[in-house]
Amino acid sequence: MNQSLDAFDPPVGQPVRLEPRLRRILAPNPSPMTFRGTNTYLVGDRDLAVIDPGPEDPAHLAAILSALEPGQSVSHIIVTHSHLDHSPLARPLAARTGAQVLAFGGPEAGRSAVMRRLAATGLSGGGEGVDLGFAPDATVADGDDIDGDGWTLEVLHTPGHLGNHIALAWEGACFSGDHVMGWASSLVSPPDGDLTDFMASCRRLRARDWRVFHPGHGAPVTDAAARLDWLIGHRLSREAAILEALADGPADAATLTARIYTETPAALLPAARRNVIAHLVDLKMKNRVVPTDDLTADAQFRRLT
């Protein structure tokens, strides 16, 4: 189901029209975690919404401002979540345009109780990195409408990849941030990511009929239902592999990662371990496993029959 690495390679910093009132600008931040870079979206005809301004990069700021056509201005800046590849440019863009920055909340907004407990044990870091200083001018809630000049975006709180993650529904399309992408499965890295929340958000999105997903990285996902089915199935297969490995006796996340991710490059194993931790916490919440001591990132878990 993953897109070919060669199938999506747009010019960096150049606006690409995807629909009559939608353009995409690729940020210059390619990496193993961001694919070709972050997708910044411009929605509207005159007063525009900028979705996910991206990393704090002067060239990308200039590219966004240069994309404004005669008579256009930026009226809203919307951040799907506060990872370092999505939110830091929001403040410089707001300073140049006067637009408000909207988001679900700061870096810890929407974090589940179990992940707050894990964070209290010292678990931190991992993944793309959190923009710890991010603070929107105004917060939005699940079900809110963000209204602009000839456009409306419906806010869907979709925690999982990050607690403050939102998706945005627009005329049958969904700006899915990092929750649903075509080139890879979404990273779920505790304590910022929560697999229980992620799966619930997947099923919530699956209950609606979408014509396309416009993700935070990679090409548009034109078969949204099939992609969501793949994401859910992928996670369930990882869950099954972890339970099978635990049939041999208690193990910690590092041991399970080495057993399960046998073909994963060494550089990506720390992220894989975070995924295993996420699954173990989710399995604990389902009463399928239990830690042999306190719940920490290094705890051993045993399978419950």
C-alpha atoms as a PDB file:
ATOM      1  CA  MET A   1       0.000   0.000   0.000  1.00  0.00           C
ATOM      2  CA  ASN A   2       2.971   2.370   0.364  1.00  0.00           C
ATOM      3  CA  GLN A   3       3.616   4.800  -2.466  1.00  0.00           C
ATOM      4  CA  SER A   4       6.758   4.352  -4.526  1.00  0.00           C
ATOM      5  CA  LEU A   5       9.531   6.681  -3.430  1.00  0.00           C
ATOM      6  CA  ASP A   6       9.702   7.900  -7.024  1.00  0.00           C
ATOM      7  CA  ALA A   7       5.966   8.504  -7.422  1.00  0.00           C
ATOM      8  CA  PHE A   8       5.945  11.757  -5.458  1.00  0.00           C
ATOM      9  CA  ASP A   9       8.718  14.242  -6.181  1.00  0.00           C
ATOM     10  CA  PRO A  10       7.284  17.762  -6.642  1.00  0.00           C
ATOM     11  CA  PRO A  11       9.514  20.834  -6.907  1.00  0.00           C
ATOM     12  CA  VAL A  12      10.509  22.238  -3.519  1.00  0.00           C
ATOM     13  CA  GLY A  13       9.063  25.659  -2.726  1.00  0.00           C
ATOM     14  CA  GLN A  14       6.836  25.842  -5.803  1.00  0.00           C
ATOM     15  CA  PRO A  15       3.034  25.987  -5.460  1.00  0.00           C
ATOM     16  CA  VAL A  16       1.305  23.043  -7.144  1.00  0.00           C
ATOM     17  CA  ARG A  17      -2.414  23.345  -7.811  1.00  0.00           C
ATOM     18  CA  LEU A  18      -4.281  20.242  -6.664  1.00  0.00           C
ATOM     19  CA  GLU A  19      -7.860  21.520  -6.960  1.00  0.00           C
ATOM     20  CA  PRO A  20      -9.437  24.824  -8.063  1.00  0.00           C
ATOM     21  CA  ARG A  21      -9.033  26.363  -4.572  1.00  0.00           C
ATOM     22  CA  LEU A  22      -6.177  24.276  -3.226  1.00  0.00           C
ATOM     23  CA  ARG A  23      -2.423  24.499  -3.685  1.00  0.00           C
ATOM     24  CA  ARG A  24       0.428  22.614  -2.032  1.00  0.00           C
ATOM     25  CA  ILE A  25       3.970  23.850  -1.337  1.00  0.00           C
ATOM     26  CA  LEU A  26       6.654  21.312  -0.403  1.00  0.00           C
ATOM     27  CA  ALA A  27       9.021  22.416   2.379  1.00  0.00           C
ATOM     28  CA  PRO A  28      12.779  21.791   2.028  1.00  0.00           C
ATOM     29  CA  ASN A  29      13.035  19.295   4.913  1.00  0.00           C
ATOM     30  CA  PRO A  30      13.331  15.775   3.469  1.00  0.00           C
ATOM     31  CA  SER A  31      14.333  13.005   5.893  1.00  0.00           C
ATOM     32  CA  PRO A  32      13.553   9.373   6.731  1.00  0.00           C
ATOM     33  CA  MET A  33      10.751  10.680   8.975  1.00  0.00           C
ATOM     34  CA  THR A  34       9.336  13.362   6.634  1.00  0.00           C
ATOM     35  CA  PHE A  35       9.764  11.718   3.195  1.00  0.00           C
ATOM     36  CA  ARG A  36      10.215  14.502   0.578  1.00  0.00           C
ATOM     37  CA  GLY A  37       9.340  17.160   3.169  1.00  0.00           C
ATOM     38  CA  THR A  38       6.318  18.733   4.818  1.00  0.00           C
ATOM     39  CA  ASN A  39       3.295  19.597   2.696  1.00  0.00           C
ATOM     40  CA  THR A  40       1.971  23.119   3.315  1.00  0.00           C
ATOM     41  CA  TYR A  41      -1.523  23.715   1.938  1.00  0.00           C
ATOM     42  CA  LEU A  42      -3.143  26.973   0.794  1.00  0.00           C
ATOM     43  CA  VAL A  43      -6.954  26.868   0.738  1.00  0.00           C
ATOM     44  CA  GLY A  44      -9.194  29.542  -0.796  1.00  0.00           C
ATOM     45  CA  ASP A  45      -9.406  32.179  -3.519  1.00  0.00           C
ATOM     46  CA  ARG A  46      -8.771  35.516  -1.769  1.00  0.00           C
ATOM     47  CA  ASP A  47      -8.362  35.218   2.006  1.00  0.00           C
ATOM     48  CA  LEU A  48      -6.452  31.974   2.404  1.00  0.00           C
ATOM     49  CA  ALA A  49      -6.006  29.357   5.085  1.00  0.00           C
ATOM     50  CA  VAL A  50      -2.447  28.076   5.389  1.00  0.00           C
ATOM     51  CA  ILE A  51      -2.460  24.543   6.801  1.00  0.00           C
ATOM     52  CA  ASP A  52       0.785  23.317   8.394  1.00  0.00           C
ATOM     53  CA  PRO A  53       3.250  26.129   7.639  1.00  0.00           C
ATOM     54  CA  GLY A  54       6.088  23.713   8.380  1.00  0.00           C
ATOM     55  CA  PRO A  55       9.578  23.993   9.882  1.00  0.00           C
ATOM     56  CA  GLU A  56      11.121  27.345  10.701  1.00  0.00           C
ATOM     57  CA  ASP A  57      12.939  27.896   7.422  1.00  0.00           C
ATOM     58  CA  PRO A  58      13.333  31.344   5.797  1.00  0.00           C
ATOM     59  CA  ALA A  59      13.197  29.864   2.294  1.00  0.00           C
ATOM     60  CA  HIS A  60       9.880  28.156   2.995  1.00  0.00           C
ATOM     61  CA  LEU A  61       8.452  31.325   4.535  1.00  0.00           C
ATOM     62  CA  ALA A  62       9.466  33.189   1.389  1.00  0.00           C
ATOM     63  CA  ALA A  63       7.898  30.468  -0.775  1.00  0.00           C
ATOM     64  CA  ILE A  64       4.550  30.756   1.030  1.00  0.00           C
ATOM     65  CA  LEU A  65       4.498  34.534   0.769  1.00  0.00           C
ATOM     66  CA  SER A  66       5.571  34.411  -2.882  1.00  0.00           C
ATOM     67  CA  ALA A  67       2.675  32.059  -3.650  1.00  0.00           C
ATOM     68  CA  LEU A  68       0.160  34.786  -2.780  1.00  0.00           C
ATOM     69  CA  GLU A  69      -1.384  36.043  -5.985  1.00  0.00           C
ATOM     70  CA  PRO A  70      -2.641  39.615  -6.544  1.00  0.00           C
ATOM     71  CA  GLY A  71      -5.571  40.277  -4.222  1.00  0.00           C
ATOM     72  CA  GLN A  72      -4.786  37.330  -1.959  1.00  0.00           C
ATOM     73  CA  SER A  73      -3.854  37.404   1.712  1.00  0.00           C
ATOM     74  CA  VAL A  74      -3.507  34.909   4.554  1.00  0.00           C
ATOM     75  CA  SER A  75      -6.432  35.060   6.980  1.00  0.00           C
ATOM     76  CA  HIS A  76      -5.903  31.830   8.972  1.00  0.00           C
ATOM     77  CA  ILE A  77      -2.872  29.711   9.909  1.00  0.00           C
ATOM     78  CA  ILE A  78      -3.910  26.228  11.034  1.00  0.00           C
ATOM     79  CA  VAL A  79      -1.547  23.675  12.569  1.00  0.00           C
ATOM     80  CA  THR A  80      -2.576  20.010  12.543  1.00  0.00           C
ATOM     81  CA  HIS A  81      -0.094  19.167  15.322  1.00  0.00           C
ATOM     82  CA  SER A  82       2.975  20.572  17.006  1.00  0.00           C
ATOM     83  CA  HIS A  83       5.834  18.486  15.670  1.00  0.00           C
ATOM     84  CA  LEU A  84       8.933  20.406  14.591  1.00  0.00           C
ATOM     85  CA  ASP A  85       8.258  19.719  10.920  1.00  0.00           C
ATOM     86  CA  HIS A  86       4.747  21.251  11.033  1.00  0.00           C
ATOM     87  CA  SER A  87       4.356  24.114  13.496  1.00  0.00           C
ATOM     88  CA  PRO A  88       7.475  26.298  14.033  1.00  0.00           C
ATOM     89  CA  LEU A  89       6.939  28.498  10.960  1.00  0.00           C
ATOM     90  CA  ALA A  90       3.462  29.445  12.189  1.00  0.00           C
ATOM     91  CA  ARG A  91       4.710  32.315  14.353  1.00  0.00           C
ATOM     92  CA  PRO A  92       6.979  33.939  11.713  1.00  0.00           C
ATOM     93  CA  LEU A  93       4.184  33.600   9.142  1.00  0.00           C
ATOM     94  CA  ALA A  94       1.716  35.205  11.542  1.00  0.00           C
ATOM     95  CA  ALA A  95       4.135  38.085  12.109  1.00  0.00           C
ATOM     96  CA  ARG A  96       4.348  38.710   8.355  1.00  0.00           C
ATOM     97  CA  THR A  97       0.631  38.337   7.594  1.00  0.00           C
ATOM     98  CA  GLY A  98      -1.265  39.318  10.756  1.00  0.00           C
ATOM     99  CA  ALA A  99      -3.219  36.043  10.651  1.00  0.00           C
ATOM    100  CA  GLN A 100      -4.115  34.137  13.797  1.00  0.00           C
ATOM    101  CA  VAL A 101      -2.555  30.750  14.524  1.00  0.00           C
ATOM    102  CA  LEU A 102      -5.185  28.091  15.263  1.00  0.00           C
ATOM    103  CA  ALA A 103      -4.622  24.624  16.720  1.00  0.00           C
ATOM    104  CA  PHE A 104      -6.092  22.165  19.204  1.00  0.00           C
ATOM    105  CA  GLY A 105      -3.652  23.383  21.832  1.00  0.00           C
ATOM    106  CA  GLY A 106      -0.066  23.304  22.996  1.00  0.00           C
ATOM    107  CA  PRO A 107       2.341  20.350  22.904  1.00  0.00           C
ATOM    108  CA  GLU A 108       0.685  18.397  25.746  1.00  0.00           C
ATOM    109  CA  ALA A 109      -2.936  19.145  24.848  1.00  0.00           C
ATOM    110  CA  GLY A 110      -4.976  16.007  24.299  1.00  0.00           C
ATOM    111  CA  ARG A 111      -2.423  13.714  25.933  1.00  0.00           C
ATOM    112  CA  SER A 112      -4.110  10.686  27.515  1.00  0.00           C
ATOM    113  CA  ALA A 113      -3.885   9.919  31.226  1.00  0.00           C
ATOM    114  CA  VAL A 114      -1.732   6.826  30.694  1.00  0.00           C
ATOM    115  CA  MET A 115       0.727   8.794  28.577  1.00  0.00           C
ATOM    116  CA  ARG A 116       0.876  11.518  31.222  1.00  0.00           C
ATOM    117  CA  ARG A 117       1.879   8.817  33.697  1.00  0.00           C
ATOM    118  CA  LEU A 118       4.565   7.502  31.330  1.00  0.00           C
ATOM    119  CA  ALA A 119       5.917  11.019  30.827  1.00  0.00           C
ATOM    120  CA  ALA A 120       6.113  11.401  34.606  1.00  0.00           C
ATOM    121  CA  THR A 121       8.465   8.368  34.710  1.00  0.00           C
ATOM    122  CA  GLY A 122      10.897  10.231  32.459  1.00  0.00           C
ATOM    123  CA  LEU A 123       9.956   8.912  29.014  1.00  0.00           C
ATOM    124  CA  SER A 124      10.397  11.660  26.434  1.00  0.00           C
ATOM    125  CA  GLY A 125      11.731  12.331  22.962  1.00  0.00           C
ATOM    126  CA  GLY A 126      11.544  10.109  19.917  1.00  0.00           C
ATOM    127  CA  GLY A 127      10.108  10.680  16.474  1.00  0.00           C
ATOM    128  CA  GLU A 128      10.118  13.984  14.653  1.00  0.00           C
ATOM    129  CA  GLY A 129      10.543  16.059  17.811  1.00  0.00           C
ATOM    130  CA  VAL A 130       7.919  18.177  19.540  1.00  0.00           C
ATOM    131  CA  ASP A 131       7.757  21.961  19.186  1.00  0.00           C
ATOM    132  CA  LEU A 132       7.772  22.552  22.936  1.00  0.00           C
ATOM    133  CA  GLY A 133       7.302  26.310  22.620  1.00  0.00           C
ATOM    134  CA  PHE A 134       4.271  26.111  20.373  1.00  0.00           C
ATOM    135  CA  ALA A 135       1.242  28.090  21.552  1.00  0.00           C
ATOM    136  CA  PRO A 136      -1.641  28.964  19.212  1.00  0.00           C
ATOM    137  CA  ASP A 137      -3.372  32.329  19.326  1.00  0.00           C
ATOM    138  CA  ALA A 138      -6.707  30.526  19.620  1.00  0.00           C
ATOM    139  CA  THR A 139      -7.667  26.905  20.206  1.00  0.00           C
ATOM    140  CA  VAL A 140     -10.166  24.871  18.238  1.00  0.00           C
ATOM    141  CA  ALA A 141     -12.186  21.913  19.476  1.00  0.00           C
ATOM    142  CA  ASP A 142     -13.523  18.769  17.905  1.00  0.00           C
ATOM    143  CA  GLY A 143     -16.524  19.598  15.732  1.00  0.00           C
ATOM    144  CA  ASP A 144     -15.681  23.282  15.332  1.00  0.00           C
ATOM    145  CA  ASP A 145     -16.004  24.948  11.940  1.00  0.00           C
ATOM    146  CA  ILE A 146     -13.253  27.309  10.843  1.00  0.00           C
ATOM    147  CA  ASP A 147     -14.917  29.698   8.417  1.00  0.00           C
ATOM    148  CA  GLY A 148     -13.089  31.774   5.858  1.00  0.00           C
ATOM    149  CA  ASP A 149     -13.781  33.634   2.641  1.00  0.00           C
ATOM    150  CA  GLY A 150     -15.710  31.034   0.643  1.00  0.00           C
ATOM    151  CA  TRP A 151     -14.412  28.022   2.551  1.00  0.00           C
ATOM    152  CA  THR A 152     -15.160  26.085   5.735  1.00  0.00           C
ATOM    153  CA  LEU A 153     -12.924  23.562   7.470  1.00  0.00           C
ATOM    154  CA  GLU A 154     -14.431  21.155  10.005  1.00  0.00           C
ATOM    155  CA  VAL A 155     -12.124  20.257  12.891  1.00  0.00           C
ATOM    156  CA  LEU A 156     -11.779  16.575  13.758  1.00  0.00           C
ATOM    157  CA  HIS A 157      -9.675  15.818  16.834  1.00  0.00           C
ATOM    158  CA  THR A 158      -7.622  12.785  15.797  1.00  0.00           C
ATOM    159  CA  PRO A 159      -5.163  12.051  18.621  1.00  0.00           C
ATOM    160  CA  GLY A 160      -2.751   9.173  18.285  1.00  0.00           C
ATOM    161  CA  HIS A 161       0.280  10.418  16.399  1.00  0.00           C
ATOM    162  CA  LEU A 162       0.241  13.315  18.865  1.00  0.00           C
ATOM    163  CA  GLY A 163      -2.366  14.244  21.442  1.00  0.00           C
ATOM    164  CA  ASN A 164      -3.114  17.630  19.867  1.00  0.00           C
ATOM    165  CA  HIS A 165      -3.430  16.246  16.332  1.00  0.00           C
ATOM    166  CA  ILE A 166      -6.409  17.383  14.271  1.00  0.00           C
ATOM    167  CA  ALA A 167      -7.655  16.565  10.793  1.00  0.00           C
ATOM    168  CA  LEU A 168      -9.650  19.032   8.721  1.00  0.00           C
ATOM    169  CA  ALA A 169     -12.643  18.118   6.580  1.00  0.00           C
ATOM    170  CA  TRP A 170     -13.182  20.242   3.465  1.00  0.00           C
ATOM    171  CA  GLU A 171     -15.712  19.517   0.720  1.00  0.00           C
ATOM    172  CA  GLY A 172     -15.345  15.745   0.945  1.00  0.00           C
ATOM    173  CA  ALA A 173     -11.570  15.920   1.294  1.00  0.00           C
ATOM    174  CA  CYS A 174      -9.570  15.534   4.499  1.00  0.00           C
ATOM    175  CA  PHE A 175      -6.341  17.261   5.427  1.00  0.00           C
ATOM    176  CA  SER A 176      -5.084  14.306   7.423  1.00  0.00           C
ATOM    177  CA  GLY A 177      -1.817  15.676   8.808  1.00  0.00           C
ATOM    178  CA  ASP A 178       0.420  12.804   9.873  1.00  0.00           C
ATOM    179  CA  HIS A 179      -2.414  10.507  10.885  1.00  0.00           C
ATOM    180  CA  VAL A 180      -2.936   9.055   7.398  1.00  0.00           C
ATOM    181  CA  MET A 181      -0.217   9.164   4.756  1.00  0.00           C
ATOM    182  CA  GLY A 182       0.295   7.142   1.607  1.00  0.00           C
ATOM    183  CA  TRP A 183       4.052   6.649   1.728  1.00  0.00           C
ATOM    184  CA  ALA A 184       4.331   5.107   5.218  1.00  0.00           C
ATOM    185  CA  SER A 185       2.389   4.259   8.332  1.00  0.00           C
ATOM    186  CA  SER A 186       2.174   6.971  10.968  1.00  0.00           C
ATOM    187  CA  LEU A 187       4.695   6.910  13.809  1.00  0.00           C
ATOM    188  CA  VAL A 188       3.148   6.451  17.255  1.00  0.00           C
ATOM    189  CA  SER A 189       5.828   7.308  19.801  1.00  0.00           C
ATOM    190  CA  PRO A 190       4.903   7.432  23.509  1.00  0.00           C
ATOM    191  CA  PRO A 191       4.395   9.506  25.540  1.00  0.00           C
ATOM    192  CA  ASP A 192       3.404  11.931  22.777  1.00  0.00           C
ATOM    193  CA  GLY A 193       1.776   9.246  20.658  1.00  0.00           C
ATOM    194  CA  ASP A 194      -0.918   6.895  21.933  1.00  0.00           C
ATOM    195  CA  LEU A 195      -1.886   3.775  19.975  1.00  0.00           C
ATOM    196  CA  THR A 196      -5.251   3.357  21.686  1.00  0.00           C
ATOM    197  CA  ASP A 197      -6.145   6.878  20.567  1.00  0.00           C
ATOM    198  CA  PHE A 198      -4.619   6.282  17.132  1.00  0.00           C
ATOM    199  CA  MET A 199      -6.771   3.257  16.419  1.00  0.00           C
ATOM    200  CA  ALA A 200      -9.900   5.047  17.631  1.00  0.00           C
ATOM    201  CA  SER A 201      -9.096   7.969  15.338  1.00  0.00           C
ATOM    202  CA  CYS A 202      -8.563   5.593  12.404  1.00  0.00           C
ATOM    203  CA  ARG A 203     -11.950   4.004  12.973  1.00  0.00           C
ATOM    204  CA  ARG A 204     -13.584   7.408  13.326  1.00  0.00           C
ATOM    205  CA  LEU A 205     -12.182   8.543   9.983  1.00  0.00           C
ATOM    206  CA  ARG A 206     -13.131   5.205   8.425  1.00  0.00           C
ATOM    207  CA  ALA A 207     -16.785   5.822   9.312  1.00  0.00           C
ATOM    208  CA  ARG A 208     -16.939   8.735   6.861  1.00  0.00           C
ATOM    209  CA  ASP A 209     -16.899   8.746   3.080  1.00  0.00           C
ATOM    210  CA  TRP A 210     -13.859  10.672   1.833  1.00  0.00           C
ATOM    211  CA  ARG A 211     -12.966  11.410  -1.760  1.00  0.00           C
ATOM    212  CA  VAL A 212      -9.278  12.089  -0.961  1.00  0.00           C
ATOM    213  CA  PHE A 213      -6.809  12.597   1.882  1.00  0.00           C
ATOM    214  CA  HIS A 214      -4.278  15.413   1.589  1.00  0.00           C
ATOM    215  CA  PRO A 215      -1.560  14.276   4.013  1.00  0.00           C
ATOM    216  CA  GLY A 216       1.228  16.100   5.811  1.00  0.00           C
ATOM    217  CA  HIS A 217       3.799  14.186   3.742  1.00  0.00           C
ATOM    218  CA  GLY A 218       3.563  12.510   0.360  1.00  0.00           C
ATOM    219  CA  ALA A 219       1.017  12.430  -2.427  1.00  0.00           C
ATOM    220  CA  PRO A 220      -2.772  12.648  -2.108  1.00  0.00           C
ATOM    221  CA  VAL A 221      -4.367   9.402  -0.941  1.00  0.00           C
ATOM    222  CA  THR A 222      -7.175   8.757  -3.413  1.00  0.00           C
ATOM    223  CA  ASP A 223      -8.522   5.529  -1.885  1.00  0.00           C
ATOM    224  CA  ALA A 224      -9.007   6.715   1.659  1.00  0.00           C
ATOM    225  CA  ALA A 225     -11.044   3.741   2.868  1.00  0.00           C
ATOM    226  CA  ALA A 226      -8.505   1.215   1.608  1.00  0.00           C
ATOM    227  CA  ARG A 227      -5.657   3.155   3.179  1.00  0.00           C
ATOM    228  CA  LEU A 228      -7.383   3.262   6.554  1.00  0.00           C
ATOM    229  CA  ASP A 229      -8.130  -0.451   6.315  1.00  0.00           C
ATOM    230  CA  TRP A 230      -4.435  -1.062   5.635  1.00  0.00           C
ATOM    231  CA  LEU A 231      -3.357   1.091   8.596  1.00  0.00           C
ATOM    232  CA  ILE A 232      -5.723  -0.696  10.962  1.00  0.00           C
ATOM    233  CA  GLY A 233      -4.690  -4.112   9.622  1.00  0.00           C
ATOM    234  CA  HIS A 234      -0.996  -3.198   9.850  1.00  0.00           C
ATOM    235  CA  ARG A 235      -1.357  -2.317  13.522  1.00  0.00           C
ATOM    236  CA  LEU A 236      -3.339  -5.448  14.279  1.00  0.00           C
ATOM    237  CA  SER A 237      -0.628  -7.565  12.643  1.00  0.00           C
ATOM    238  CA  ARG A 238       2.017  -5.907  14.841  1.00  0.00           C
ATOM    239  CA  GLU A 239      -0.164  -6.589  17.862  1.00  0.00           C
ATOM    240  CA  ALA A 240      -0.400 -10.259  16.898  1.00  0.00           C
ATOM    241  CA  ALA A 241       3.377 -10.474  16.461  1.00  0.00           C
ATOM    242  CA  ILE A 242       3.978  -9.005  19.911  1.00  0.00           C
ATOM    243  CA  LEU A 243       1.529 -11.404  21.537  1.00  0.00           C
ATOM    244  CA  GLU A 244       3.150 -14.328  19.718  1.00  0.00           C
ATOM    245  CA  ALA A 245       6.604 -13.245  20.922  1.00  0.00           C
ATOM    246  CA  LEU A 246       5.332 -12.952  24.491  1.00  0.00           C
ATOM    247  CA  ALA A 247       4.124 -16.552  24.343  1.00  0.00           C
ATOM    248  CA  ASP A 248       7.762 -17.510  25.047  1.00  0.00           C
ATOM    249  CA  GLY A 249       7.741 -15.582  28.308  1.00  0.00           C
ATOM    250  CA  PRO A 250       7.974 -12.008  29.631  1.00  0.00           C
ATOM    251  CA  ALA A 251      10.050  -9.526  27.624  1.00  0.00           C
ATOM    252  CA  ASP A 252      10.691  -5.811  27.424  1.00  0.00           C
ATOM    253  CA  ALA A 253      10.193  -3.545  24.417  1.00  0.00           C
ATOM    254  CA  ALA A 254      13.827  -3.687  23.305  1.00  0.00           C
ATOM    255  CA  THR A 255      13.808  -7.495  23.253  1.00  0.00           C
ATOM    256  CA  LEU A 256      10.524  -7.616  21.392  1.00  0.00           C
ATOM    257  CA  THR A 257      11.759  -5.067  18.849  1.00  0.00           C
ATOM    258  CA  ALA A 258      14.824  -7.178  18.059  1.00  0.00           C
ATOM    259  CA  ARG A 259      12.632 -10.267  17.589  1.00  0.00           C
ATOM    260  CA  ILE A 260       9.981  -8.634  15.431  1.00  0.00           C
ATOM    261  CA  TYR A 261      11.729  -5.941  13.370  1.00  0.00           C
ATOM    262  CA  THR A 262      14.345  -8.255  11.905  1.00  0.00           C
ATOM    263  CA  GLU A 263      14.539  -6.466   8.536  1.00  0.00           C
ATOM    264  CA  THR A 264      14.441  -2.887   9.833  1.00  0.00           C
ATOM    265  CA  PRO A 265      17.588  -0.759   9.340  1.00  0.00           C
ATOM    266  CA  ALA A 266      19.471  -0.148  12.583  1.00  0.00           C
ATOM    267  CA  ALA A 267      18.904   3.608  12.353  1.00  0.00           C
ATOM    268  CA  LEU A 268      15.132   3.073  12.523  1.00  0.00           C
ATOM    269  CA  LEU A 269      15.114   0.600  15.411  1.00  0.00           C
ATOM    270  CA  PRO A 270      14.687   3.292  18.100  1.00  0.00           C
ATOM    271  CA  ALA A 271      11.480   4.399  16.375  1.00  0.00           C
ATOM    272  CA  ALA A 272      10.416   0.761  16.085  1.00  0.00           C
ATOM    273  CA  ARG A 273      10.963   0.317  19.823  1.00  0.00           C
ATOM    274  CA  ARG A 274       8.674   3.302  20.435  1.00  0.00           C
ATOM    275  CA  ASN A 275       6.026   1.593  18.341  1.00  0.00           C
ATOM    276  CA  VAL A 276       6.391  -1.566  20.426  1.00  0.00           C
ATOM    277  CA  ILE A 277       5.999   0.437  23.637  1.00  0.00           C
ATOM    278  CA  ALA A 278       2.846   1.981  22.167  1.00  0.00           C
ATOM    279  CA  HIS A 279       1.465  -1.477  21.413  1.00  0.00           C
ATOM    280  CA  LEU A 280       2.322  -2.802  24.868  1.00  0.00           C
ATOM    281  CA  VAL A 281       0.507   0.071  26.544  1.00  0.00           C
ATOM    282  CA  ASP A 282      -2.484  -0.451  24.256  1.00  0.00           C
ATOM    283  CA  LEU A 283      -2.481  -4.190  25.018  1.00  0.00           C
ATOM    284  CA  LYS A 284      -2.356  -3.423  28.728  1.00  0.00           C
ATOM    285  CA  MET A 285      -5.405  -1.198  28.325  1.00  0.00           C
ATOM    286  CA  LYS A 286      -7.159  -4.159  26.648  1.00  0.00           C
ATOM    287  CA  ASN A 287      -6.107  -6.506  29.484  1.00  0.00           C
ATOM    288  CA  ARG A 288      -4.085  -8.642  27.050  1.00  0.00           C
ATOM    289  CA  VAL A 289      -0.706  -8.059  28.758  1.00  0.00           C
ATOM    290  CA  VAL A 290       0.488  -6.795  32.125  1.00  0.00           C
ATOM    291  CA  PRO A 291       3.821  -5.286  33.211  1.00  0.00           C
ATOM    292  CA  THR A 292       5.720  -7.406  35.721  1.00  0.00           C
ATOM    293  CA  ASP A 293       6.453  -4.224  37.693  1.00  0.00           C
ATOM    294  CA  ASP A 294       5.543  -0.552  37.338  1.00  0.00           C
ATOM    295  CA  LEU A 295       4.506   0.690  33.895  1.00  0.00           C
ATOM    296  CA  THR A 296       7.617   2.260  32.383  1.00  0.00           C
ATOM    297  CA  ALA A 297       9.266   2.239  28.967  1.00  0.00           C
ATOM    298  CA  ASP A 298      11.728  -0.416  30.187  1.00  0.00           C
ATOM    299  CA  ALA A 299       9.226  -2.674  31.927  1.00  0.00           C
ATOM    300  CA  GLN A 300       8.900  -6.334  31.123  1.00  0.00           C
ATOM    301  CA  PHE A 301       5.464  -7.490  30.075  1.00  0.00           C
ATOM    302  CA  ARG A 302       3.846 -10.888  30.275  1.00  0.00           C
ATOM    303  CA  ARG A 303       0.964 -12.129  28.227  1.00  0.00           C
ATOM    304  CA  LEU A 304      -2.384 -12.776  29.899  1.00  0.00           C
ATOM    305  CA  THR A 305      -4.291 -15.871  28.814  1.00  0.00           C
END
